[in-house]
Amino acid sequence: MHFELAPPTGVGPLRIGMSRQDANSALESLREPTTASPSDRAGQHIFRPSGLMISIGCARDLLEAVELGRPCEPADAVVFRGIDVFALRPATS
């Protein structure tokens, strides 16, 4: 899966300024239901099967931050302006 960074708006379905409830739902939508990680924490972070960690930070019931940790496998890519930011090469579709 490709995750397009769109600063300062957000990434994928996670949009800075959305409600905590909507952010929790958006984060949950990014989880791979058949291979949920025991490290997942609802409303905080998930780990995709590739090892990509997606973390959210909320304050005052609004999404203020999204953090992405480098995947171990190439199944997920975090892309900004056509560049895979963790591989530092042009992204492939």
PDB file of N, CA and C in Angstrom:
ATOM      1  N   MET A   1       0.845  -1.171   0.000  1.00  0.00           N
ATOM      2  CA  MET A   1       0.000   0.000   0.000  1.00  0.00           C
ATOM      3  C   MET A   1       0.893   1.238   0.000  1.00  0.00           C
ATOM      4  N   HIS A   2       0.484   2.245  -0.743  1.00  0.00           N
ATOM      5  CA  HIS A   2       1.198   3.524  -0.757  1.00  0.00           C
ATOM      6  C   HIS A   2       0.505   4.500   0.182  1.00  0.00           C
ATOM      7  N   PHE A   3       1.288   5.198   0.972  1.00  0.00           N
ATOM      8  CA  PHE A   3       0.785   6.238   1.862  1.00  0.00           C
ATOM      9  C   PHE A   3       1.377   7.556   1.389  1.00  0.00           C
ATOM     10  N   GLU A   4       0.540   8.423   0.849  1.00  0.00           N
ATOM     11  CA  GLU A   4       0.985   9.718   0.333  1.00  0.00           C
ATOM     12  C   GLU A   4       1.049  10.744   1.459  1.00  0.00           C
ATOM     13  N   LEU A   5       2.240  11.287   1.695  1.00  0.00           N
ATOM     14  CA  LEU A   5       2.383  12.376   2.650  1.00  0.00           C
ATOM     15  C   LEU A   5       1.855  13.653   2.015  1.00  0.00           C
ATOM     16  N   ALA A   6       1.055  14.396   2.757  1.00  0.00           N
ATOM     17  CA  ALA A   6       0.494  15.651   2.258  1.00  0.00           C
ATOM     18  C   ALA A   6       0.624  16.717   3.349  1.00  0.00           C
ATOM     19  N   PRO A   7       1.881  17.121   3.658  1.00  0.00           N
ATOM     20  CA  PRO A   7       2.048  18.122   4.715  1.00  0.00           C
ATOM     21  C   PRO A   7       1.467  19.463   4.293  1.00  0.00           C
ATOM     22  N   PRO A   8       0.888  20.201   5.154  1.00  0.00           N
ATOM     23  CA  PRO A   8       0.621  19.908   6.569  1.00  0.00           C
ATOM     24  C   PRO A   8      -0.733  19.266   6.793  1.00  0.00           C
ATOM     25  N   THR A   9      -1.336  18.709   5.753  1.00  0.00           N
ATOM     26  CA  THR A   9      -2.693  18.162   5.841  1.00  0.00           C
ATOM     27  C   THR A   9      -2.753  16.814   6.547  1.00  0.00           C
ATOM     28  N   GLY A  10      -1.853  15.900   6.211  1.00  0.00           N
ATOM     29  CA  GLY A  10      -1.861  14.583   6.829  1.00  0.00           C
ATOM     30  C   GLY A  10      -1.311  13.524   5.910  1.00  0.00           C
ATOM     31  N   VAL A  11      -1.748  12.302   6.126  1.00  0.00           N
ATOM     32  CA  VAL A  11      -1.323  11.159   5.317  1.00  0.00           C
ATOM     33  C   VAL A  11      -2.499  10.185   5.227  1.00  0.00           C
ATOM     34  N   GLY A  12      -2.776   9.719   4.007  1.00  0.00           N
ATOM     35  CA  GLY A  12      -3.901   8.806   3.811  1.00  0.00           C
ATOM     36  C   GLY A  12      -5.176   9.401   4.388  1.00  0.00           C
ATOM     37  N   PRO A  13      -5.942   8.585   5.118  1.00  0.00           N
ATOM     38  CA  PRO A  13      -7.197   9.080   5.682  1.00  0.00           C
ATOM     39  C   PRO A  13      -7.008   9.908   6.962  1.00  0.00           C
ATOM     40  N   LEU A  14      -5.787  10.008   7.449  1.00  0.00           N
ATOM     41  CA  LEU A  14      -5.511  10.765   8.679  1.00  0.00           C
ATOM     42  C   LEU A  14      -5.265  12.222   8.330  1.00  0.00           C
ATOM     43  N   ARG A  15      -6.132  13.095   8.807  1.00  0.00           N
ATOM     44  CA  ARG A  15      -6.065  14.521   8.497  1.00  0.00           C
ATOM     45  C   ARG A  15      -5.885  15.332   9.772  1.00  0.00           C
ATOM     46  N   ILE A  16      -4.846  16.138   9.808  1.00  0.00           N
ATOM     47  CA  ILE A  16      -4.590  16.990  10.966  1.00  0.00           C
ATOM     48  C   ILE A  16      -5.834  17.853  11.218  1.00  0.00           C
ATOM     49  N   GLY A  17      -6.255  17.889  12.492  1.00  0.00           N
ATOM     50  CA  GLY A  17      -7.417  18.674  12.872  1.00  0.00           C
ATOM     51  C   GLY A  17      -8.711  17.875  12.956  1.00  0.00           C
ATOM     52  N   MET A  18      -8.684  16.606  12.477  1.00  0.00           N
ATOM     53  CA  MET A  18      -9.897  15.795  12.585  1.00  0.00           C
ATOM     54  C   MET A  18     -10.124  15.423  14.049  1.00  0.00           C
ATOM     55  N   SER A  19     -11.341  15.051  14.377  1.00  0.00           N
ATOM     56  CA  SER A  19     -11.649  14.697  15.763  1.00  0.00           C
ATOM     57  C   SER A  19     -10.896  13.424  16.161  1.00  0.00           C
ATOM     58  N   ARG A  20     -10.685  13.265  17.458  1.00  0.00           N
ATOM     59  CA  ARG A  20     -10.023  12.061  17.967  1.00  0.00           C
ATOM     60  C   ARG A  20     -10.802  10.816  17.535  1.00  0.00           C
ATOM     61  N   GLN A  21     -12.116  10.865  17.599  1.00  0.00           N
ATOM     62  CA  GLN A  21     -12.938   9.719  17.213  1.00  0.00           C
ATOM     63  C   GLN A  21     -12.730   9.379  15.741  1.00  0.00           C
ATOM     64  N   ASP A  22     -12.728  10.391  14.875  1.00  0.00           N
ATOM     65  CA  ASP A  22     -12.499  10.151  13.443  1.00  0.00           C
ATOM     66  C   ASP A  22     -11.079   9.657  13.193  1.00  0.00           C
ATOM     67  N   ALA A  23     -10.106  10.192  13.931  1.00  0.00           N
ATOM     68  CA  ALA A  23      -8.712   9.754  13.785  1.00  0.00           C
ATOM     69  C   ALA A  23      -8.565   8.295  14.206  1.00  0.00           C
ATOM     70  N   ASN A  24      -9.221   7.912  15.297  1.00  0.00           N
ATOM     71  CA  ASN A  24      -9.175   6.511  15.737  1.00  0.00           C
ATOM     72  C   ASN A  24      -9.765   5.594  14.679  1.00  0.00           C
ATOM     73  N   SER A  25     -10.883   6.006  14.078  1.00  0.00           N
ATOM     74  CA  SER A  25     -11.515   5.206  13.017  1.00  0.00           C
ATOM     75  C   SER A  25     -10.615   5.119  11.788  1.00  0.00           C
ATOM     76  N   ALA A  26     -10.001   6.235  11.416  1.00  0.00           N
ATOM     77  CA  ALA A  26      -9.099   6.248  10.255  1.00  0.00           C
ATOM     78  C   ALA A  26      -7.897   5.349  10.505  1.00  0.00           C
ATOM     79  N   LEU A  27      -7.327   5.424  11.711  1.00  0.00           N
ATOM     80  CA  LEU A  27      -6.187   4.565  12.049  1.00  0.00           C
ATOM     81  C   LEU A  27      -6.604   3.103  11.970  1.00  0.00           C
ATOM     82  N   GLU A  28      -7.753   2.794  12.509  1.00  0.00           N
ATOM     83  CA  GLU A  28      -8.258   1.421  12.481  1.00  0.00           C
ATOM     84  C   GLU A  28      -8.446   0.927  11.052  1.00  0.00           C
ATOM     85  N   SER A  29      -8.838   1.815  10.141  1.00  0.00           N
ATOM     86  CA  SER A  29      -9.052   1.427   8.745  1.00  0.00           C
ATOM     87  C   SER A  29      -7.750   1.036   8.050  1.00  0.00           C
ATOM     88  N   LEU A  30      -6.619   1.443   8.604  1.00  0.00           N
ATOM     89  CA  LEU A  30      -5.314   1.137   8.011  1.00  0.00           C
ATOM     90  C   LEU A  30      -4.745  -0.190   8.510  1.00  0.00           C
ATOM     91  N   ARG A  31      -5.382  -0.760   9.509  1.00  0.00           N
ATOM     92  CA  ARG A  31      -4.936  -2.040  10.064  1.00  0.00           C
ATOM     93  C   ARG A  31      -5.262  -3.157   9.077  1.00  0.00           C
ATOM     94  N   GLU A  32      -4.420  -4.158   9.024  1.00  0.00           N
ATOM     95  CA  GLU A  32      -4.675  -5.348   8.212  1.00  0.00           C
ATOM     96  C   GLU A  32      -5.405  -6.340   9.121  1.00  0.00           C
ATOM     97  N   PRO A  33      -6.723  -6.501   8.950  1.00  0.00           N
ATOM     98  CA  PRO A  33      -7.505  -7.265   9.922  1.00  0.00           C
ATOM     99  C   PRO A  33      -7.095  -8.726  10.069  1.00  0.00           C
ATOM    100  N   THR A  34      -6.558  -9.319   9.036  1.00  0.00           N
ATOM    101  CA  THR A  34      -6.199 -10.738   9.116  1.00  0.00           C
ATOM    102  C   THR A  34      -4.857 -10.971   9.796  1.00  0.00           C
ATOM    103  N   THR A  35      -4.067  -9.906   9.937  1.00  0.00           N
ATOM    104  CA  THR A  35      -2.736 -10.058  10.556  1.00  0.00           C
ATOM    105  C   THR A  35      -2.474  -8.937  11.549  1.00  0.00           C
ATOM    106  N   ALA A  36      -3.404  -8.716  12.466  1.00  0.00           N
ATOM    107  CA  ALA A  36      -3.232  -7.667  13.471  1.00  0.00           C
ATOM    108  C   ALA A  36      -2.017  -7.984  14.339  1.00  0.00           C
ATOM    109  N   SER A  37      -1.255  -6.964  14.665  1.00  0.00           N
ATOM    110  CA  SER A  37      -0.062  -7.122  15.490  1.00  0.00           C
ATOM    111  C   SER A  37      -0.435  -7.073  16.965  1.00  0.00           C
ATOM    112  N   PRO A  38       0.187  -7.911  17.786  1.00  0.00           N
ATOM    113  CA  PRO A  38      -0.066  -7.831  19.225  1.00  0.00           C
ATOM    114  C   PRO A  38       0.450  -6.516  19.824  1.00  0.00           C
ATOM    115  N   SER A  39       1.259  -5.790  19.079  1.00  0.00           N
ATOM    116  CA  SER A  39       1.782  -4.493  19.538  1.00  0.00           C
ATOM    117  C   SER A  39       0.823  -3.339  19.270  1.00  0.00           C
ATOM    118  N   ASP A  40      -0.241  -3.566  18.488  1.00  0.00           N
ATOM    119  CA  ASP A  40      -1.208  -2.506  18.184  1.00  0.00           C
ATOM    120  C   ASP A  40      -1.847  -1.979  19.467  1.00  0.00           C
ATOM    121  N   ARG A  41      -2.065  -0.674  19.509  1.00  0.00           N
ATOM    122  CA  ARG A  41      -2.752  -0.026  20.629  1.00  0.00           C
ATOM    123  C   ARG A  41      -3.819   0.879  20.046  1.00  0.00           C
ATOM    124  N   ALA A  42      -5.082   0.532  20.264  1.00  0.00           N
ATOM    125  CA  ALA A  42      -6.200   1.316  19.728  1.00  0.00           C
ATOM    126  C   ALA A  42      -6.061   2.778  20.139  1.00  0.00           C
ATOM    127  N   GLY A  43      -6.253   3.673  19.162  1.00  0.00           N
ATOM    128  CA  GLY A  43      -6.164   5.102  19.428  1.00  0.00           C
ATOM    129  C   GLY A  43      -4.753   5.626  19.581  1.00  0.00           C
ATOM    130  N   GLN A  44      -3.746   4.760  19.397  1.00  0.00           N
ATOM    131  CA  GLN A  44      -2.349   5.188  19.523  1.00  0.00           C
ATOM    132  C   GLN A  44      -1.525   4.819  18.297  1.00  0.00           C
ATOM    133  N   HIS A  45      -1.404   3.517  18.026  1.00  0.00           N
ATOM    134  CA  HIS A  45      -0.587   3.097  16.883  1.00  0.00           C
ATOM    135  C   HIS A  45      -0.960   1.692  16.431  1.00  0.00           C
ATOM    136  N   ILE A  46      -0.611   1.445  15.169  1.00  0.00           N
ATOM    137  CA  ILE A  46      -0.747   0.114  14.594  1.00  0.00           C
ATOM    138  C   ILE A  46       0.551  -0.233  13.880  1.00  0.00           C
ATOM    139  N   PHE A  47       0.751  -1.530  13.701  1.00  0.00           N
ATOM    140  CA  PHE A  47       1.861  -2.030  12.900  1.00  0.00           C
ATOM    141  C   PHE A  47       1.262  -2.846  11.772  1.00  0.00           C
ATOM    142  N   ARG A  48       1.587  -2.479  10.530  1.00  0.00           N
ATOM    143  CA  ARG A  48       1.111  -3.230   9.380  1.00  0.00           C
ATOM    144  C   ARG A  48       2.017  -4.448   9.188  1.00  0.00           C
ATOM    145  N   PRO A  49       1.574  -5.460   8.433  1.00  0.00           N
ATOM    146  CA  PRO A  49       2.392  -6.662   8.236  1.00  0.00           C
ATOM    147  C   PRO A  49       3.796  -6.366   7.698  1.00  0.00           C
ATOM    148  N   SER A  50       3.963  -5.268   6.976  1.00  0.00           N
ATOM    149  CA  SER A  50       5.276  -4.892   6.445  1.00  0.00           C
ATOM    150  C   SER A  50       6.220  -4.402   7.543  1.00  0.00           C
ATOM    151  N   GLY A  51       5.670  -4.120   8.726  1.00  0.00           N
ATOM    152  CA  GLY A  51       6.458  -3.524   9.801  1.00  0.00           C
ATOM    153  C   GLY A  51       6.256  -2.025   9.899  1.00  0.00           C
ATOM    154  N   LEU A  52       5.537  -1.427   8.927  1.00  0.00           N
ATOM    155  CA  LEU A  52       5.258   0.003   8.968  1.00  0.00           C
ATOM    156  C   LEU A  52       4.446   0.314  10.214  1.00  0.00           C
ATOM    157  N   MET A  53       4.952   1.234  11.053  1.00  0.00           N
ATOM    158  CA  MET A  53       4.237   1.688  12.228  1.00  0.00           C
ATOM    159  C   MET A  53       3.560   3.011  11.906  1.00  0.00           C
ATOM    160  N   ILE A  54       2.282   3.116  12.233  1.00  0.00           N
ATOM    161  CA  ILE A  54       1.532   4.359  12.055  1.00  0.00           C
ATOM    162  C   ILE A  54       1.013   4.751  13.430  1.00  0.00           C
ATOM    163  N   SER A  55       1.423   5.923  13.880  1.00  0.00           N
ATOM    164  CA  SER A  55       1.072   6.403  15.208  1.00  0.00           C
ATOM    165  C   SER A  55       0.371   7.747  15.095  1.00  0.00           C
ATOM    166  N   ILE A  56      -0.624   7.958  15.968  1.00  0.00           N
ATOM    167  CA  ILE A  56      -1.312   9.245  15.979  1.00  0.00           C
ATOM    168  C   ILE A  56      -1.163   9.898  17.343  1.00  0.00           C
ATOM    169  N   GLY A  57      -1.161  11.229  17.338  1.00  0.00           N
ATOM    170  CA  GLY A  57      -1.116  12.004  18.563  1.00  0.00           C
ATOM    171  C   GLY A  57      -2.251  13.005  18.574  1.00  0.00           C
ATOM    172  N   CYS A  58      -3.088  12.926  19.597  1.00  0.00           N
ATOM    173  CA  CYS A  58      -4.232  13.831  19.710  1.00  0.00           C
ATOM    174  C   CYS A  58      -4.101  14.680  20.970  1.00  0.00           C
ATOM    175  N   ALA A  59      -4.579  15.887  20.895  1.00  0.00           N
ATOM    176  CA  ALA A  59      -4.682  16.789  22.042  1.00  0.00           C
ATOM    177  C   ALA A  59      -5.941  17.607  21.848  1.00  0.00           C
ATOM    178  N   ARG A  60      -6.595  17.917  22.944  1.00  0.00           N
ATOM    179  CA  ARG A  60      -7.845  18.683  22.890  1.00  0.00           C
ATOM    180  C   ARG A  60      -8.845  18.012  21.945  1.00  0.00           C
ATOM    181  N   ASP A  61      -8.823  16.674  21.922  1.00  0.00           N
ATOM    182  CA  ASP A  61      -9.713  15.861  21.094  1.00  0.00           C
ATOM    183  C   ASP A  61      -9.562  16.091  19.595  1.00  0.00           C
ATOM    184  N   LEU A  62      -8.386  16.573  19.165  1.00  0.00           N
ATOM    185  CA  LEU A  62      -8.104  16.763  17.743  1.00  0.00           C
ATOM    186  C   LEU A  62      -6.787  16.088  17.382  1.00  0.00           C
ATOM    187  N   LEU A  63      -6.713  15.555  16.170  1.00  0.00           N
ATOM    188  CA  LEU A  63      -5.472  14.957  15.683  1.00  0.00           C
ATOM    189  C   LEU A  63      -4.449  16.059  15.444  1.00  0.00           C
ATOM    190  N   GLU A  64      -3.302  15.939  16.104  1.00  0.00           N
ATOM    191  CA  GLU A  64      -2.239  16.936  15.949  1.00  0.00           C
ATOM    192  C   GLU A  64      -0.991  16.392  15.281  1.00  0.00           C
ATOM    193  N   ALA A  65      -0.823  15.064  15.297  1.00  0.00           N
ATOM    194  CA  ALA A  65       0.413  14.511  14.730  1.00  0.00           C
ATOM    195  C   ALA A  65       0.183  13.103  14.203  1.00  0.00           C
ATOM    196  N   VAL A  66       0.914  12.781  13.138  1.00  0.00           N
ATOM    197  CA  VAL A  66       0.949  11.431  12.586  1.00  0.00           C
ATOM    198  C   VAL A  66       2.427  11.071  12.457  1.00  0.00           C
ATOM    199  N   GLU A  67       2.798   9.925  12.987  1.00  0.00           N
ATOM    200  CA  GLU A  67       4.188   9.468  12.914  1.00  0.00           C
ATOM    201  C   GLU A  67       4.220   8.140  12.173  1.00  0.00           C
ATOM    202  N   LEU A  68       5.199   7.994  11.301  1.00  0.00           N
ATOM    203  CA  LEU A  68       5.354   6.770  10.520  1.00  0.00           C
ATOM    204  C   LEU A  68       6.735   6.200  10.774  1.00  0.00           C
ATOM    205  N   GLY A  69       6.792   4.902  11.079  1.00  0.00           N
ATOM    206  CA  GLY A  69       8.073   4.228  11.281  1.00  0.00           C
ATOM    207  C   GLY A  69       8.392   3.341  10.097  1.00  0.00           C
ATOM    208  N   ARG A  70       9.631   3.276   9.763  1.00  0.00           N
ATOM    209  CA  ARG A  70      10.097   2.562   8.576  1.00  0.00           C
ATOM    210  C   ARG A  70       9.630   1.105   8.519  1.00  0.00           C
ATOM    211  N   PRO A  71       9.055   0.696   7.379  1.00  0.00           N
ATOM    212  CA  PRO A  71       8.660  -0.708   7.231  1.00  0.00           C
ATOM    213  C   PRO A  71       9.885  -1.601   7.008  1.00  0.00           C
ATOM    214  N   CYS A  72       9.763  -2.856   7.381  1.00  0.00           N
ATOM    215  CA  CYS A  72      10.836  -3.838   7.160  1.00  0.00           C
ATOM    216  C   CYS A  72      10.739  -4.461   5.772  1.00  0.00           C
ATOM    217  N   GLU A  73       9.528  -4.516   5.249  1.00  0.00           N
ATOM    218  CA  GLU A  73       9.251  -5.133   3.954  1.00  0.00           C
ATOM    219  C   GLU A  73       8.764  -4.064   2.982  1.00  0.00           C
ATOM    220  N   PRO A  74       8.978  -4.238   1.677  1.00  0.00           N
ATOM    221  CA  PRO A  74       8.579  -3.223   0.691  1.00  0.00           C
ATOM    222  C   PRO A  74       7.089  -3.205   0.348  1.00  0.00           C
ATOM    223  N   ALA A  75       6.254  -3.972   1.051  1.00  0.00           N
ATOM    224  CA  ALA A  75       4.821  -4.018   0.724  1.00  0.00           C
ATOM    225  C   ALA A  75       4.136  -2.675   0.948  1.00  0.00           C
ATOM    226  N   ASP A  76       4.657  -1.855   1.854  1.00  0.00           N
ATOM    227  CA  ASP A  76       4.120  -0.523   2.121  1.00  0.00           C
ATOM    228  C   ASP A  76       5.186   0.513   1.804  1.00  0.00           C
ATOM    229  N   ALA A  77       4.754   1.614   1.211  1.00  0.00           N
ATOM    230  CA  ALA A  77       5.672   2.709   0.899  1.00  0.00           C
ATOM    231  C   ALA A  77       5.062   4.020   1.381  1.00  0.00           C
ATOM    232  N   VAL A  78       5.898   4.863   1.959  1.00  0.00           N
ATOM    233  CA  VAL A  78       5.492   6.204   2.362  1.00  0.00           C
ATOM    234  C   VAL A  78       6.105   7.136   1.327  1.00  0.00           C
ATOM    235  N   VAL A  79       5.246   7.861   0.604  1.00  0.00           N
ATOM    236  CA  VAL A  79       5.677   8.602  -0.573  1.00  0.00           C
ATOM    237  C   VAL A  79       5.423  10.097  -0.399  1.00  0.00           C
ATOM    238  N   PHE A  80       6.409  10.887  -0.772  1.00  0.00           N
ATOM    239  CA  PHE A  80       6.265  12.342  -0.812  1.00  0.00           C
ATOM    240  C   PHE A  80       6.807  12.827  -2.142  1.00  0.00           C
ATOM    241  N   ARG A  81       5.929  13.460  -2.925  1.00  0.00           N
ATOM    242  CA  ARG A  81       6.295  13.979  -4.253  1.00  0.00           C
ATOM    243  C   ARG A  81       6.999  12.937  -5.117  1.00  0.00           C
ATOM    244  N   GLY A  82       6.451  11.726  -5.093  1.00  0.00           N
ATOM    245  CA  GLY A  82       6.957  10.656  -5.940  1.00  0.00           C
ATOM    246  C   GLY A  82       8.176   9.930  -5.415  1.00  0.00           C
ATOM    247  N   ILE A  83       8.654  10.295  -4.235  1.00  0.00           N
ATOM    248  CA  ILE A  83       9.839   9.651  -3.651  1.00  0.00           C
ATOM    249  C   ILE A  83       9.418   8.806  -2.457  1.00  0.00           C
ATOM    250  N   ASP A  84       9.847   7.551  -2.438  1.00  0.00           N
ATOM    251  CA  ASP A  84       9.646   6.688  -1.276  1.00  0.00           C
ATOM    252  C   ASP A  84      10.596   7.197  -0.200  1.00  0.00           C
ATOM    253  N   VAL A  85      10.059   7.804   0.857  1.00  0.00           N
ATOM    254  CA  VAL A  85      10.915   8.505   1.832  1.00  0.00           C
ATOM    255  C   VAL A  85      11.788   7.581   2.658  1.00  0.00           C
ATOM    256  N   PHE A  86      11.405   6.335   2.802  1.00  0.00           N
ATOM    257  CA  PHE A  86      12.255   5.422   3.562  1.00  0.00           C
ATOM    258  C   PHE A  86      13.288   4.727   2.679  1.00  0.00           C
ATOM    259  N   ALA A  87      12.995   4.585   1.391  1.00  0.00           N
ATOM    260  CA  ALA A  87      13.940   3.953   0.476  1.00  0.00           C
ATOM    261  C   ALA A  87      14.770   5.013  -0.261  1.00  0.00           C
ATOM    262  N   LEU A  88      14.298   6.277  -0.252  1.00  0.00           N
ATOM    263  CA  LEU A  88      14.958   7.397  -0.943  1.00  0.00           C
ATOM    264  C   LEU A  88      15.199   7.087  -2.416  1.00  0.00           C
ATOM    265  N   ARG A  89      14.127   6.615  -3.060  1.00  0.00           N
ATOM    266  CA  ARG A  89      14.158   6.363  -4.498  1.00  0.00           C
ATOM    267  C   ARG A  89      12.776   6.650  -5.050  1.00  0.00           C
ATOM    268  N   PRO A  90      12.670   6.840  -6.351  1.00  0.00           N
ATOM    269  CA  PRO A  90      11.331   7.040  -6.929  1.00  0.00           C
ATOM    270  C   PRO A  90      10.427   5.883  -6.580  1.00  0.00           C
ATOM    271  N   ALA A  91       9.204   6.216  -6.203  1.00  0.00           N
ATOM    272  CA  ALA A  91       8.233   5.184  -5.832  1.00  0.00           C
ATOM    273  C   ALA A  91       7.735   4.443  -7.060  1.00  0.00           C
ATOM    274  N   THR A  92       7.453   3.165  -6.893  1.00  0.00           N
ATOM    275  CA  THR A  92       6.854   2.373  -7.963  1.00  0.00           C
ATOM    276  C   THR A  92       5.401   2.154  -7.607  1.00  0.00           C
ATOM    277  N   SER A  93       4.565   2.019  -8.598  1.00  0.00           N
ATOM    278  CA  SER A  93       3.121   1.864  -8.344  1.00  0.00           C
ATOM    279  C   SER A  93       2.743   0.476  -8.015  1.00  0.00           C
TER     280      SER A  93
END
